[in-house]
């Protein structure tokens, strides 16, 4: 069994998901969108040194990983968090954690014999 197949993965894979989450700016955007209110690019850029163009690029990476989605309201796009994908990340990490716990339990049993 290869390392890549050792842990079940959600549909769409987890590599793009963790890649998207591996950037401070994108994590900050996830945090802002996690407050529950859909936000425009202008609102997301407000109070930040990051340009709207850069925010847009980061949002597109997040959208490509399925972490956010947008909808049009007039001329602007409102961005929302896709909580289901965060649940996928949580489930994947929980599975890895269970595997490590099981491996450590086996090691402890072996050492104690």
Protein backbone atom coordinates (compact mmCIF):
# COMPACT_ATOMS: atom_id res chain seq x y z
CA UNK A 1 0.00 0.00 0.00
CA UNK A 2 1.42 3.37 -0.94
CA UNK A 3 1.60 6.24 1.49
CA UNK A 4 -0.80 8.26 -0.70
CA UNK A 5 -3.45 5.53 -0.45
CA UNK A 6 -3.02 4.80 3.26
CA UNK A 7 -5.57 7.43 4.35
CA UNK A 8 -9.00 7.70 2.70
CA UNK A 9 -9.44 11.00 0.93
CA UNK A 10 -12.62 13.01 0.35
CA UNK A 11 -13.80 13.60 -3.21
CA UNK A 12 -11.69 16.25 -4.88
CA UNK A 13 -8.61 15.23 -2.93
CA UNK A 14 -7.02 17.01 -0.02
CA UNK A 15 -3.80 18.28 -1.59
CA UNK A 16 -5.50 21.33 -3.19
CA UNK A 17 -7.35 21.89 0.06
CA UNK A 18 -4.22 21.96 2.20
CA UNK A 19 -2.31 23.93 -0.44
CA UNK A 20 -5.01 26.61 -0.32
CA UNK A 21 -4.95 26.66 3.48
CA UNK A 22 -1.15 26.87 3.54
CA UNK A 23 -1.00 30.63 3.03
CA UNK A 24 -1.45 33.26 5.76
CA UNK A 25 -3.48 35.59 3.57
CA UNK A 26 -5.84 32.82 2.51
CA UNK A 27 -6.19 31.66 6.11
CA UNK A 28 -7.09 35.22 7.09
CA UNK A 29 -9.70 35.31 4.33
CA UNK A 30 -11.14 32.00 5.58
CA UNK A 31 -11.29 33.52 9.06
CA UNK A 32 -13.14 36.59 7.83
CA UNK A 33 -15.59 34.53 5.80
CA UNK A 34 -16.03 32.17 8.74
CA UNK A 35 -17.84 34.92 10.60
CA UNK A 36 -20.89 33.85 8.60
CA UNK A 37 -21.64 36.90 6.50
CA UNK A 38 -21.01 36.88 2.73
CA UNK A 39 -18.45 39.59 1.90
CA UNK A 40 -17.45 41.45 -1.24
CA UNK A 41 -13.85 41.80 -2.35
CA UNK A 42 -13.97 45.45 -1.28
CA UNK A 43 -15.12 44.41 2.20
CA UNK A 44 -12.46 41.73 2.42
CA UNK A 45 -9.75 44.21 1.36
CA UNK A 46 -10.96 46.94 3.73
CA UNK A 47 -8.42 47.72 6.44
CA UNK A 48 -5.79 45.58 4.77
CA UNK A 49 -2.61 46.45 2.92
CA UNK A 50 -3.52 43.81 0.35
CA UNK A 51 -4.95 45.02 -2.96
CA UNK A 52 -8.32 43.92 -4.28
CA UNK A 53 -6.53 42.24 -7.17
CA UNK A 54 -4.44 40.16 -4.75
CA UNK A 55 -7.56 39.32 -2.70
CA UNK A 56 -9.23 38.14 -5.91
CA UNK A 57 -6.29 35.88 -6.76
CA UNK A 58 -6.34 34.35 -3.28
CA UNK A 59 -10.11 33.85 -3.44
CA UNK A 60 -9.75 32.08 -6.76
CA UNK A 61 -7.25 29.64 -5.21
CA UNK A 62 -9.66 29.04 -2.32
CA UNK A 63 -12.54 28.58 -4.77
CA UNK A 64 -10.48 26.11 -6.81
CA UNK A 65 -10.06 24.02 -3.66
CA UNK A 66 -13.79 24.26 -2.96
CA UNK A 67 -13.32 26.31 0.21
CA UNK A 68 -15.29 29.37 -0.92
CA UNK A 69 -17.93 30.20 -3.49
CA UNK A 70 -19.18 33.44 -4.92
CA UNK A 71 -22.48 34.77 -6.13
CA UNK A 72 -23.25 37.96 -7.94
CA UNK A 73 -25.20 40.79 -6.38
CA UNK A 74 -25.49 43.51 -8.94
CA UNK A 75 -21.99 44.37 -10.08
CA UNK A 76 -20.18 42.78 -7.17
CA UNK A 77 -19.38 39.25 -6.15
CA UNK A 78 -20.18 38.12 -2.61
CA UNK A 79 -17.93 35.40 -1.25
CA UNK A 80 -19.01 32.73 1.23
CA UNK A 81 -17.22 29.95 3.07
CA UNK A 82 -17.89 26.34 2.03
CA UNK A 83 -17.89 24.73 5.48
CA UNK A 84 -18.20 21.23 3.99
CA UNK A 85 -14.61 21.44 2.67
CA UNK A 86 -13.31 22.43 6.09
CA UNK A 87 -15.14 19.38 7.41
CA UNK A 88 -13.26 17.32 4.81
CA UNK A 89 -9.95 18.67 6.14
CA UNK A 90 -11.00 18.00 9.73
CA UNK A 91 -12.03 14.41 8.88
CA UNK A 92 -8.78 13.77 7.03
CA UNK A 93 -6.69 15.04 9.94
CA UNK A 94 -8.79 13.03 12.40
CA UNK A 95 -8.13 9.86 10.38
CA UNK A 96 -4.38 10.52 10.41
CA UNK A 97 -4.54 11.19 14.14
CA UNK A 98 -6.35 7.88 14.73
CA UNK A 99 -3.70 6.04 12.71
CA UNK A 100 -0.91 7.60 14.77
CA UNK A 101 -2.73 6.77 18.01
CA UNK A 102 -3.10 3.15 16.88
CA UNK A 103 0.58 2.96 15.90
CA UNK A 104 1.66 4.41 19.24
CA UNK A 105 -0.61 1.96 21.09
CA UNK A 106 0.98 -0.95 19.20
CA UNK A 107 4.45 0.36 20.02
CA UNK A 108 3.55 0.74 23.68
CA UNK A 109 2.20 -2.83 23.81
CA UNK A 110 5.34 -4.13 22.14
CA UNK A 111 7.64 -2.27 24.56
CA UNK A 112 5.68 -3.35 27.62
CA UNK A 113 5.89 -7.09 26.69
